[in-house]
Amino acid sequence: MRVSVASTTAVAVESGAVVVGLYAEDVKKHGATIVALDRKLGGQLGAMLDAEKFQAKTAQVTHLHTGGRLPSGGVVVVGLGARKDTTPEVLRRAAAAGLRRARDLGARAVALEVLGDRVPARQRAHAVVEGAILGTYTFDRYKKEKPEKVVETLTVLTTDARRAREVAQGVGTGEIFGEATTFARDLVNGPANDVHPTHLARVATEIAREQRLRLQVHDRAECRKMGMGAFLGVAAGSQQPPKFIHLTYTPAGRRKKRVAVIGKGITFDSGGLDLKPADGMLRMKNDMSGAAAVLAIMRALPRLAPPMEVHGLIAATENMPSGSAIRPGDVLRAMNGTTIEIGNTDAEGRLTLADAMSYAVSRVEPDEMIDMATLTGACVVALGPLCSGLFANDQALADRLLAAAEAAGERLWQLPLIEEYREGLKSDVADINNVGPRGGGAITAGLFLKDFANDKPWAHLDIAGPAFTDKDGPLGGKGATGVAVRTLLTYLTAHA
């Protein structure tokens, strides 16, 4: 979708369809834009809204064909709810619903107002463009028949000359955030026979070349020299060679902070010898959602130019059963020297993250590090499919991430790291076991990872619930969501 800004009105713009907003309290008087459109349409738009008893609830949509009475072929009216409840997320969802209706009407070129009036212009422009991109996302790479109805161009309308620069800036960042999220969605939606560790390394190479980032890709032998026994233990059962990926973004000016962003990169999780049941394995191509988020974030950062150095780390492998796979009861040695007894081979993600975090501590020496992982079913049980869990050893970092998630419109809830639960990770033969009791499984996974943060400020996002959905949502259809991309981009650009 090509996005641009135009200084014109909904009445004058030429497009396949124009999308305008309406607040609930303006339903009776219809609002200035709809009154202007209605005048050109001979009262038909107002009559339709009245006949349908349109209430302008958030993301409620209706439309009218203009019959040549306007330069645009159709008018789409989307509800914004109560004016006092306006947030960027309301505008995001409204824009997504409006664009979907315009697309379904066959409009290839769509014009969109900067919806709402209770949020600064830049935030509103960012939200509506982001919503438009996310709401019309489809994944059709493997289908012969491609969708015939596609929005190819989006024109964002503004008539306020005083706010034109803010609108243009918001449109620019909204487009970057939206494209980054769909980039992650594409990676996760791809099947595991195509999206394997070597493919992730290839994607990282393309990103590094296009965005002029530094890149190191370490193979099995190099990882063995670095002592990554936990990561390589998980990789031992697969014929796919493991890849440890390290991308680096360096700001042009003075660096304010060095951040390590780590993504779980299990490109398929069978469970290993502790094999998952068939229905539990079906969607396990999504177990690299954290890695996809890291790649998307690193790809977007040069265009956003935040004043901090960011290192993207991914320990990419499959978790497969075979004669060479690790067994329950085996002991692995992580890069930092910690020995780990394998209580369950299906708790593999934390093993790969342990070595990635150890690498970050010793090789990157970050001021803080954040990992994103589809780590535990226990977090899904606790928070459901729409909310990620947050664990942190530094409350200031946690608070900043919670604020970023709120701004990005992604649900994030902090869970405790209860030290008494560490008893469940004790091992009779090693420093630590990779699993604890069934109860509090997301917490014991967080406690396991905390040991590898050393004394660095660290946060862990368990994205197992919202990373993949089996039903259509307000900002996208079934499949990968690209969760955490917008939260981390919001966080990393907060100082810009």
Protein backbone atom coordinates (compact mmCIF):
# COMPACT_ATOMS: atom_id res chain seq x y z
CA MET A 1 0.00 0.00 0.00
CA ARG A 2 1.50 3.34 -1.09
CA VAL A 3 0.76 6.09 1.42
CA SER A 4 0.76 9.84 0.79
CA VAL A 5 -0.59 13.07 2.28
CA ALA A 6 -2.84 15.56 0.47
CA SER A 7 -4.00 19.03 1.53
CA THR A 8 -7.58 18.71 0.40
CA THR A 9 -11.04 17.83 1.71
CA ALA A 10 -13.17 14.71 1.66
CA VAL A 11 -15.55 16.54 -0.65
CA ALA A 12 -12.87 17.42 -3.24
CA VAL A 13 -10.57 14.38 -3.19
CA GLU A 14 -10.68 11.97 -6.14
CA SER A 15 -10.54 8.34 -5.06
CA GLY A 16 -12.29 5.01 -5.20
CA ALA A 17 -13.69 5.72 -1.74
CA VAL A 18 -13.23 8.31 0.98
CA VAL A 19 -13.34 7.29 4.65
CA VAL A 20 -14.64 9.80 7.20
CA GLY A 21 -15.31 9.54 10.93
CA LEU A 22 -18.33 10.36 13.07
CA TYR A 23 -18.52 10.72 16.85
CA ALA A 24 -21.51 9.29 18.69
CA GLU A 25 -22.60 12.69 20.02
CA ASP A 26 -22.55 14.10 16.46
CA VAL A 27 -24.96 11.53 15.04
CA LYS A 28 -27.96 13.87 15.04
CA LYS A 29 -26.16 16.88 13.58
CA HIS A 30 -23.83 14.62 11.53
CA GLY A 31 -20.63 16.66 11.93
CA ALA A 32 -19.04 19.22 9.59
CA THR A 33 -17.48 16.82 7.07
CA ILE A 34 -20.59 14.69 6.71
CA VAL A 35 -22.77 17.80 6.38
CA ALA A 36 -20.52 19.02 3.54
CA LEU A 37 -20.63 15.62 1.83
CA ASP A 38 -24.38 15.36 2.36
CA ARG A 39 -24.92 18.72 0.69
CA LYS A 40 -23.13 17.48 -2.45
CA LEU A 41 -25.07 14.20 -2.33
CA GLY A 42 -28.46 15.88 -2.17
CA GLY A 43 -29.18 14.76 1.39
CA GLN A 44 -28.75 11.05 0.66
CA LEU A 45 -25.91 10.48 3.13
CA GLY A 46 -27.78 12.01 6.06
CA ALA A 47 -30.96 10.18 5.09
CA MET A 48 -29.07 6.87 5.01
CA LEU A 49 -27.50 7.45 8.43
CA ASP A 50 -30.91 8.31 9.87
CA ALA A 51 -32.64 5.35 8.21
CA GLU A 52 -30.00 2.90 9.47
CA LYS A 53 -30.12 4.50 12.93
CA PHE A 54 -26.32 4.71 12.74
CA GLN A 55 -25.01 5.07 16.30
CA ALA A 56 -21.33 5.69 15.50
CA LYS A 57 -20.09 3.04 17.90
CA THR A 58 -16.34 2.50 17.66
CA ALA A 59 -15.47 0.90 14.29
CA GLN A 60 -19.15 0.66 13.24
CA VAL A 61 -19.21 1.13 9.47
CA THR A 62 -21.66 2.07 6.74
CA HIS A 63 -21.25 3.34 3.18
CA LEU A 64 -22.94 5.08 0.26
CA HIS A 65 -22.14 5.01 -3.45
CA THR A 66 -21.93 8.58 -4.74
CA GLY A 67 -23.24 7.96 -8.26
CA GLY A 68 -20.83 10.50 -9.75
CA ARG A 69 -21.97 13.37 -7.53
CA LEU A 70 -18.53 13.44 -5.87
CA PRO A 71 -15.02 12.87 -7.27
CA SER A 72 -14.87 9.77 -5.01
CA GLY A 73 -16.86 6.71 -5.99
CA GLY A 74 -18.05 5.98 -2.45
CA VAL A 75 -18.24 7.43 1.04
CA VAL A 76 -17.45 5.18 4.01
CA VAL A 77 -18.55 6.45 7.42
CA VAL A 78 -16.88 4.88 10.43
CA GLY A 79 -17.94 5.37 14.04
CA LEU A 80 -15.52 6.83 16.57
CA GLY A 81 -17.56 6.21 19.71
CA ALA A 82 -17.82 8.91 22.39
CA ARG A 83 -15.49 11.87 21.92
CA LYS A 84 -14.28 11.69 25.53
CA ASP A 85 -13.11 8.11 24.97
CA THR A 86 -10.88 8.94 22.00
CA THR A 87 -7.51 7.15 22.09
CA PRO A 88 -5.03 6.21 19.38
CA GLU A 89 -6.31 2.62 19.64
CA VAL A 90 -9.89 3.76 18.93
CA LEU A 91 -8.64 5.59 15.83
CA ARG A 92 -6.50 2.63 14.81
CA ARG A 93 -9.46 0.27 14.90
CA ALA A 94 -11.77 2.75 13.20
CA ALA A 95 -9.32 3.26 10.33
CA ALA A 96 -8.88 -0.50 9.97
CA ALA A 97 -12.65 -1.04 9.75
CA GLY A 98 -13.09 1.82 7.30
CA LEU A 99 -10.32 0.62 5.00
CA ARG A 100 -11.66 -2.92 4.99
CA ARG A 101 -15.09 -1.66 3.93
CA ALA A 102 -13.55 0.51 1.20
CA ARG A 103 -11.51 -2.47 0.00
CA ASP A 104 -14.56 -4.72 -0.04
CA LEU A 105 -16.34 -2.12 -2.18
CA GLY A 106 -13.58 -2.59 -4.75
CA ALA A 107 -11.73 0.69 -4.14
CA ARG A 108 -8.05 0.44 -5.05
CA ALA A 109 -7.36 4.08 -4.19
CA VAL A 110 -8.71 5.19 -0.82
CA ALA A 111 -8.67 8.60 0.86
CA LEU A 112 -8.80 8.80 4.65
CA GLU A 113 -9.38 11.70 6.99
CA VAL A 114 -7.12 12.13 10.00
CA LEU A 115 -9.89 10.82 12.21
CA GLY A 116 -10.87 12.30 15.56
CA ASP A 117 -10.03 15.53 17.34
CA ARG A 118 -9.11 14.74 20.96
CA VAL A 119 -5.58 13.45 20.27
CA PRO A 120 -2.62 15.47 18.88
CA ALA A 121 -2.52 15.50 15.08
CA ARG A 122 0.72 13.54 14.82
CA GLN A 123 -0.59 10.72 17.01
CA ARG A 124 -3.88 10.62 15.11
CA ALA A 125 -2.14 10.45 11.73
CA HIS A 126 0.18 7.71 13.00
CA ALA A 127 -2.73 5.69 14.39
CA VAL A 128 -4.95 5.85 11.30
CA VAL A 129 -2.16 4.87 8.90
CA GLU A 130 -1.04 2.05 11.17
CA GLY A 131 -4.64 0.84 11.46
CA ALA A 132 -5.17 1.03 7.72
CA ILE A 133 -2.10 -1.11 7.02
CA LEU A 134 -2.74 -3.67 9.75
CA GLY A 135 -6.48 -3.92 9.14
CA THR A 136 -6.11 -4.80 5.45
CA TYR A 137 -3.24 -7.28 5.86
CA THR A 138 -3.55 -10.60 4.04
CA PHE A 139 -1.13 -13.50 3.60
CA ASP A 140 -1.56 -15.11 0.19
CA ARG A 141 1.99 -16.11 -0.76
CA TYR A 142 1.10 -19.76 -1.25
CA LYS A 143 -2.24 -19.31 -3.04
CA LYS A 144 -2.74 -19.45 -6.78
CA GLU A 145 -5.73 -17.15 -6.62
CA LYS A 146 -4.79 -13.77 -5.18
CA PRO A 147 -7.42 -11.41 -3.74
CA GLU A 148 -8.95 -9.26 -6.46
CA LYS A 149 -9.91 -6.49 -4.04
CA VAL A 150 -6.77 -4.76 -2.77
CA VAL A 151 -6.13 -1.21 -1.61
CA GLU A 152 -3.09 -0.05 -3.54
CA THR A 153 -2.89 3.61 -2.52
CA LEU A 154 -3.91 5.46 0.62
CA THR A 155 -4.16 9.25 0.68
CA VAL A 156 -4.34 10.87 4.12
CA LEU A 157 -6.28 14.15 4.03
CA THR A 158 -5.45 17.26 5.98
CA THR A 159 -6.77 20.80 5.60
CA ASP A 160 -5.07 22.35 8.64
CA ALA A 161 -1.93 24.05 7.34
CA ARG A 162 -0.71 24.60 10.91
CA ARG A 163 -0.70 20.84 11.51
CA ALA A 164 0.51 19.71 8.08
CA ARG A 165 4.03 18.91 9.27
CA GLU A 166 2.79 16.98 12.29
CA VAL A 167 0.41 15.00 10.10
CA ALA A 168 3.18 14.17 7.63
CA GLN A 169 5.44 13.01 10.47
CA GLY A 170 2.68 10.86 11.94
CA VAL A 171 1.89 9.35 8.55
CA GLY A 172 5.58 8.50 8.12
CA THR A 173 6.01 6.76 11.45
CA GLY A 174 2.62 5.05 11.18
CA GLU A 175 3.67 3.60 7.85
CA ILE A 176 6.99 2.35 9.27
CA PHE A 177 5.32 0.76 12.30
CA GLY A 178 2.62 -0.84 10.16
CA GLU A 179 5.07 -2.22 7.61
CA ALA A 180 7.34 -3.58 10.35
CA THR A 181 4.42 -5.44 11.91
CA THR A 182 3.33 -6.94 8.60
CA PHE A 183 6.95 -7.94 7.90
CA ALA A 184 6.95 -9.94 11.14
CA ARG A 185 3.54 -11.40 10.29
CA ASP A 186 4.82 -12.61 6.93
CA LEU A 187 7.76 -14.40 8.57
CA VAL A 188 5.60 -16.13 11.17
CA ASN A 189 2.87 -17.08 8.69
CA GLY A 190 5.41 -18.76 6.43
CA PRO A 191 5.60 -22.55 6.84
CA ALA A 192 8.48 -24.09 8.74
CA ASN A 193 9.76 -25.98 5.69
CA ASP A 194 10.58 -22.58 4.17
CA VAL A 195 11.17 -20.44 7.27
CA HIS A 196 13.99 -22.34 8.94
CA PRO A 197 17.14 -21.07 10.68
CA THR A 198 19.04 -20.66 7.41
CA HIS A 199 16.16 -18.61 6.01
CA LEU A 200 16.15 -16.33 9.07
CA ALA A 201 19.89 -15.81 8.60
CA ARG A 202 19.26 -15.01 4.93
CA VAL A 203 16.60 -12.47 5.87
CA ALA A 204 18.99 -10.90 8.40
CA THR A 205 21.62 -10.65 5.65
CA GLU A 206 19.17 -8.86 3.35
CA ILE A 207 18.17 -6.47 6.15
CA ALA A 208 21.81 -5.72 6.97
CA ARG A 209 22.61 -4.99 3.33
CA GLU A 210 19.53 -2.84 2.68
CA GLN A 211 19.66 -0.91 5.96
CA ARG A 212 23.45 -0.81 6.36
CA LEU A 213 23.50 -2.66 9.66
CA ARG A 214 26.36 -4.71 11.05
CA LEU A 215 25.74 -8.45 10.97
CA GLN A 216 27.34 -11.56 12.39
CA VAL A 217 25.90 -15.01 11.76
CA HIS A 218 27.55 -17.72 13.83
CA ASP A 219 27.30 -21.36 12.73
CA ARG A 220 27.32 -24.48 14.88
CA ALA A 221 31.11 -24.68 15.14
CA GLU A 222 31.43 -21.04 16.18
CA CYS A 223 28.66 -21.42 18.74
CA ARG A 224 30.44 -24.46 20.13
CA LYS A 225 33.66 -22.45 20.50
CA MET A 226 31.71 -19.80 22.43
CA GLY A 227 30.36 -22.49 24.76
CA MET A 228 26.69 -22.28 23.77
CA GLY A 229 25.88 -25.75 25.05
CA ALA A 230 22.24 -24.97 25.92
CA PHE A 231 21.43 -23.60 22.46
CA LEU A 232 23.28 -26.39 20.67
CA GLY A 233 21.61 -28.99 22.88
CA VAL A 234 18.23 -27.92 21.53
CA ALA A 235 19.60 -27.91 17.98
CA ALA A 236 21.08 -31.42 18.28
CA GLY A 237 17.93 -33.24 17.15
CA SER A 238 17.36 -31.34 13.91
CA GLN A 239 18.87 -31.74 10.46
CA GLN A 240 18.51 -27.97 10.01
CA PRO A 241 21.77 -26.25 10.98
CA PRO A 242 21.42 -23.73 13.82
CA LYS A 243 22.24 -20.07 13.28
CA PHE A 244 23.05 -17.44 15.88
CA ILE A 245 22.20 -14.04 14.41
CA HIS A 246 23.55 -10.72 15.68
CA LEU A 247 22.38 -7.50 13.98
CA THR A 248 23.58 -4.08 15.17
CA TYR A 249 22.05 -0.65 14.62
CA THR A 250 24.31 2.28 15.51
CA PRO A 251 22.91 5.83 15.67
CA ALA A 252 24.54 8.59 13.65
CA GLY A 253 25.02 10.89 16.64
CA ARG A 254 25.84 10.41 20.28
CA ARG A 255 24.55 7.15 21.74
CA LYS A 256 22.17 7.54 24.67
CA LYS A 257 21.91 3.87 25.54
CA ARG A 258 22.88 0.38 24.36
CA VAL A 259 19.98 -2.08 24.25
CA ALA A 260 19.96 -5.79 23.42
CA VAL A 261 16.68 -7.05 21.94
CA ILE A 262 16.50 -10.85 21.96
CA GLY A 263 13.93 -13.02 20.15
CA LYS A 264 13.15 -16.68 20.61
CA GLY A 265 13.88 -18.31 17.25
CA ILE A 266 12.49 -21.85 17.35
CA THR A 267 11.36 -22.16 13.74
CA PHE A 268 9.43 -25.33 14.56
CA ASP A 269 8.79 -26.87 17.95
CA SER A 270 7.82 -30.52 17.96
CA GLY A 271 8.58 -30.73 21.67
CA GLY A 272 11.64 -32.88 21.04
CA LEU A 273 11.60 -36.33 22.62
CA ASP A 274 8.89 -35.06 25.00
CA LEU A 275 6.75 -34.87 21.88
CA LYS A 276 3.77 -32.55 21.73
CA PRO A 277 0.36 -33.98 20.79
CA ALA A 278 -0.75 -33.34 17.20
CA ASP A 279 -3.08 -30.44 18.00
CA GLY A 280 -0.40 -28.82 20.16
CA MET A 281 2.12 -29.04 17.33
CA LEU A 282 -0.10 -27.68 14.56
CA ARG A 283 0.76 -23.98 14.95
CA MET A 284 4.35 -24.41 16.14
CA LYS A 285 5.72 -22.58 13.12
CA ASN A 286 4.84 -19.54 15.24
CA ASP A 287 7.45 -20.38 17.87
CA MET A 288 9.83 -17.95 16.18
CA SER A 289 7.49 -14.97 16.66
CA GLY A 290 10.04 -13.32 18.94
CA ALA A 291 12.75 -13.72 16.30
CA ALA A 292 10.43 -12.31 13.63
CA ALA A 293 9.78 -9.30 15.87
CA VAL A 294 13.51 -8.70 16.30
CA LEU A 295 14.12 -8.81 12.55
CA ALA A 296 11.21 -6.44 11.91
CA ILE A 297 12.42 -4.03 14.58
CA MET A 298 15.99 -3.98 13.27
CA ARG A 299 14.72 -3.43 9.73
CA ALA A 300 12.68 -0.40 10.85
CA LEU A 301 15.19 1.31 13.14
CA PRO A 302 17.34 3.05 10.49
CA ARG A 303 14.26 4.83 9.14
CA LEU A 304 13.25 5.94 12.63
CA ALA A 305 16.81 6.85 13.66
CA PRO A 306 16.54 6.60 17.47
CA PRO A 307 19.61 7.85 19.40
CA MET A 308 20.48 4.50 20.93
CA GLU A 309 22.54 1.52 19.86
CA VAL A 310 20.40 -1.59 19.42
CA HIS A 311 21.63 -5.17 19.12
CA GLY A 312 19.18 -7.76 17.75
CA LEU A 313 20.01 -11.31 18.84
CA ILE A 314 18.40 -14.56 17.67
CA ALA A 315 19.42 -18.14 18.51
CA ALA A 316 17.62 -19.88 15.62
CA THR A 317 17.00 -23.62 15.52
CA GLU A 318 14.31 -26.28 15.33
CA ASN A 319 13.37 -28.50 18.27
CA MET A 320 13.01 -31.97 16.76
CA PRO A 321 13.08 -35.60 17.94
CA SER A 322 15.78 -37.89 16.56
CA GLY A 323 18.53 -40.21 17.63
CA SER A 324 20.77 -37.24 18.32
CA ALA A 325 18.20 -35.19 20.26
CA ILE A 326 18.72 -34.28 23.90
CA ARG A 327 16.99 -36.56 26.42
CA PRO A 328 15.18 -35.87 29.68
CA GLY A 329 17.84 -36.11 32.36
CA ASP A 330 20.67 -34.83 30.15
CA VAL A 331 22.82 -31.98 31.49
CA LEU A 332 23.82 -29.03 29.28
CA ARG A 333 26.32 -26.29 30.01
CA ALA A 334 25.30 -22.76 29.02
CA MET A 335 27.69 -20.10 27.72
CA ASN A 336 28.02 -18.53 31.18
CA GLY A 337 29.02 -21.87 32.71
CA THR A 338 25.67 -22.70 34.33
CA THR A 339 24.78 -26.39 34.12
CA ILE A 340 21.16 -27.23 33.28
CA GLU A 341 19.38 -30.54 33.85
CA ILE A 342 16.74 -31.24 31.20
CA GLY A 343 13.51 -31.98 33.00
CA ASN A 344 11.50 -31.64 29.78
CA THR A 345 12.76 -31.26 26.22
CA ASP A 346 9.67 -29.18 25.37
CA ALA A 347 10.94 -26.37 27.60
CA GLU A 348 13.54 -25.57 24.95
CA GLY A 349 12.99 -21.87 24.32
CA ARG A 350 14.46 -20.83 27.65
CA LEU A 351 17.59 -22.87 26.85
CA THR A 352 18.22 -20.95 23.63
CA LEU A 353 17.43 -17.64 25.34
CA ALA A 354 19.84 -18.50 28.16
CA ASP A 355 22.75 -18.60 25.73
CA ALA A 356 21.51 -15.55 23.84
CA MET A 357 21.32 -13.60 27.12
CA SER A 358 24.75 -14.86 28.18
CA TYR A 359 26.13 -13.73 24.81
CA ALA A 360 24.52 -10.31 25.28
CA VAL A 361 26.00 -9.90 28.77
CA SER A 362 29.54 -10.90 27.77
CA ARG A 363 29.82 -9.73 24.14
CA VAL A 364 27.41 -6.77 23.87
CA GLU A 365 27.53 -5.43 27.45
CA PRO A 366 24.16 -3.66 27.09
CA ASP A 367 22.68 -1.08 29.43
CA GLU A 368 19.51 -3.17 29.37
CA MET A 369 18.11 -6.17 27.54
CA ILE A 370 14.64 -7.25 26.54
CA ASP A 371 13.63 -10.68 25.29
CA MET A 372 10.43 -11.64 23.46
CA ALA A 373 9.34 -15.25 23.38
CA THR A 374 6.36 -17.51 22.83
CA LEU A 375 7.57 -19.18 25.97
CA THR A 376 4.82 -20.79 28.07
CA GLY A 377 1.31 -22.10 27.82
CA ALA A 378 1.03 -21.12 31.47
CA CYS A 379 1.09 -17.44 30.48
CA VAL A 380 -1.78 -18.07 28.05
CA VAL A 381 -3.75 -19.72 30.88
CA ALA A 382 -3.06 -16.75 33.13
CA LEU A 383 -3.71 -13.88 30.68
CA GLY A 384 -5.60 -15.41 27.77
CA PRO A 385 -4.92 -15.01 24.05
CA LEU A 386 -4.93 -11.20 23.90
CA CYS A 387 -2.34 -10.19 26.48
CA SER A 388 1.41 -10.71 26.85
CA GLY A 389 3.08 -11.23 30.19
CA LEU A 390 5.91 -9.00 31.42
CA PHE A 391 8.60 -10.03 33.87
CA ALA A 392 11.49 -7.80 34.87
CA ASN A 393 14.32 -7.48 37.38
CA ASP A 394 14.17 -3.68 37.05
CA GLN A 395 10.89 -1.87 37.79
CA ALA A 396 11.85 1.31 35.95
CA LEU A 397 12.40 -0.71 32.77
CA ALA A 398 9.12 -2.54 33.33
CA ASP A 399 7.25 0.74 33.77
CA ARG A 400 8.70 2.15 30.54
CA LEU A 401 7.68 -0.96 28.62
CA LEU A 402 4.16 -0.89 30.07
CA ALA A 403 3.83 2.74 28.97
CA ALA A 404 5.12 1.87 25.49
CA ALA A 405 2.65 -0.98 25.16
CA GLU A 406 -0.20 1.30 26.21
CA ALA A 407 0.80 3.85 23.57
CA ALA A 408 1.16 1.15 20.93
CA GLY A 409 -2.24 -0.37 21.70
CA GLU A 410 -0.79 -3.76 22.69
CA ARG A 411 -1.90 -5.40 25.91
CA LEU A 412 0.89 -6.13 28.39
CA TRP A 413 0.51 -7.14 32.03
CA GLN A 414 3.27 -7.43 34.60
CA LEU A 415 3.53 -10.71 36.50
CA PRO A 416 5.67 -11.26 39.61
CA LEU A 417 9.01 -13.01 39.89
CA ILE A 418 8.31 -14.78 43.20
CA GLU A 419 11.68 -15.86 44.53
CA GLU A 420 10.22 -18.69 46.63
CA TYR A 421 9.19 -20.40 43.39
CA ARG A 422 12.86 -20.82 42.51
CA GLU A 423 12.81 -23.90 44.75
CA GLY A 424 10.94 -25.67 41.96
CA LEU A 425 13.92 -25.28 39.63
CA LYS A 426 16.38 -27.09 41.89
CA SER A 427 18.28 -30.01 40.42
CA ASP A 428 20.03 -32.86 42.21
CA VAL A 429 22.71 -33.11 39.52
CA ALA A 430 23.10 -29.63 38.02
CA ASP A 431 22.93 -25.95 38.92
CA ILE A 432 19.33 -25.65 37.74
CA ASN A 433 16.53 -27.63 36.09
CA ASN A 434 14.87 -26.26 32.97
CA VAL A 435 11.34 -26.85 34.33
CA GLY A 436 9.53 -26.44 37.62
CA PRO A 437 6.12 -27.53 38.95
CA ARG A 438 3.01 -27.11 36.79
CA GLY A 439 1.62 -24.24 38.88
CA GLY A 440 3.18 -20.85 38.13
CA GLY A 441 4.93 -22.14 35.02
CA ALA A 442 5.28 -18.71 33.44
CA ILE A 443 6.89 -17.40 36.64
CA THR A 444 9.40 -20.23 36.98
CA ALA A 445 10.33 -19.74 33.30
CA GLY A 446 10.95 -16.08 34.08
CA LEU A 447 13.03 -16.99 37.12
CA PHE A 448 15.08 -19.38 35.00
CA LEU A 449 15.87 -16.58 32.52
CA LYS A 450 16.58 -14.06 35.26
CA ASP A 451 19.67 -16.06 36.27
CA PHE A 452 21.21 -15.34 32.86
CA ALA A 453 20.64 -11.58 33.01
CA ASN A 454 23.46 -11.29 35.54
CA ASP A 455 23.15 -7.78 37.00
CA LYS A 456 21.84 -6.16 33.81
CA PRO A 457 18.38 -4.54 33.77
CA TRP A 458 16.28 -7.11 31.94
CA ALA A 459 12.70 -7.62 30.88
CA HIS A 460 11.00 -10.69 29.45
CA LEU A 461 7.87 -10.54 27.30
CA ASP A 462 6.00 -13.85 27.15
CA ILE A 463 4.00 -13.39 23.93
CA ALA A 464 2.67 -16.95 23.68
CA GLY A 465 -0.98 -15.83 23.83
CA PRO A 466 -1.28 -12.97 21.34
CA ALA A 467 1.43 -14.01 18.84
CA PHE A 468 -1.00 -16.04 16.72
CA THR A 469 -4.78 -15.99 16.46
CA ASP A 470 -7.32 -18.44 15.09
CA LYS A 471 -9.96 -15.80 14.37
CA ASP A 472 -10.23 -12.41 12.72
CA GLY A 473 -9.53 -9.40 14.92
CA PRO A 474 -9.96 -5.63 14.64
CA LEU A 475 -6.41 -5.14 13.33
CA GLY A 476 -5.93 -8.25 11.25
CA GLY A 477 -7.18 -11.65 10.22
CA LYS A 478 -6.32 -15.16 11.32
CA GLY A 479 -2.67 -16.04 11.75
CA ALA A 480 0.36 -14.12 12.99
CA THR A 481 -0.19 -10.77 14.68
CA GLY A 482 3.32 -9.34 14.80
CA VAL A 483 2.81 -8.64 18.50
CA ALA A 484 5.51 -6.71 20.40
CA VAL A 485 6.93 -5.04 17.27
CA ARG A 486 5.01 -1.81 17.83
CA THR A 487 5.62 -1.85 21.58
CA LEU A 488 9.38 -2.18 21.16
CA LEU A 489 9.53 0.39 18.36
CA THR A 490 7.56 2.78 20.57
CA TYR A 491 9.94 2.11 23.43
CA LEU A 492 13.13 2.43 21.37
CA THR A 493 12.01 5.69 19.74
CA ALA A 494 10.70 7.31 22.92
CA HIS A 495 13.92 9.34 23.23
CA ALA A 496 13.91 10.43 19.57
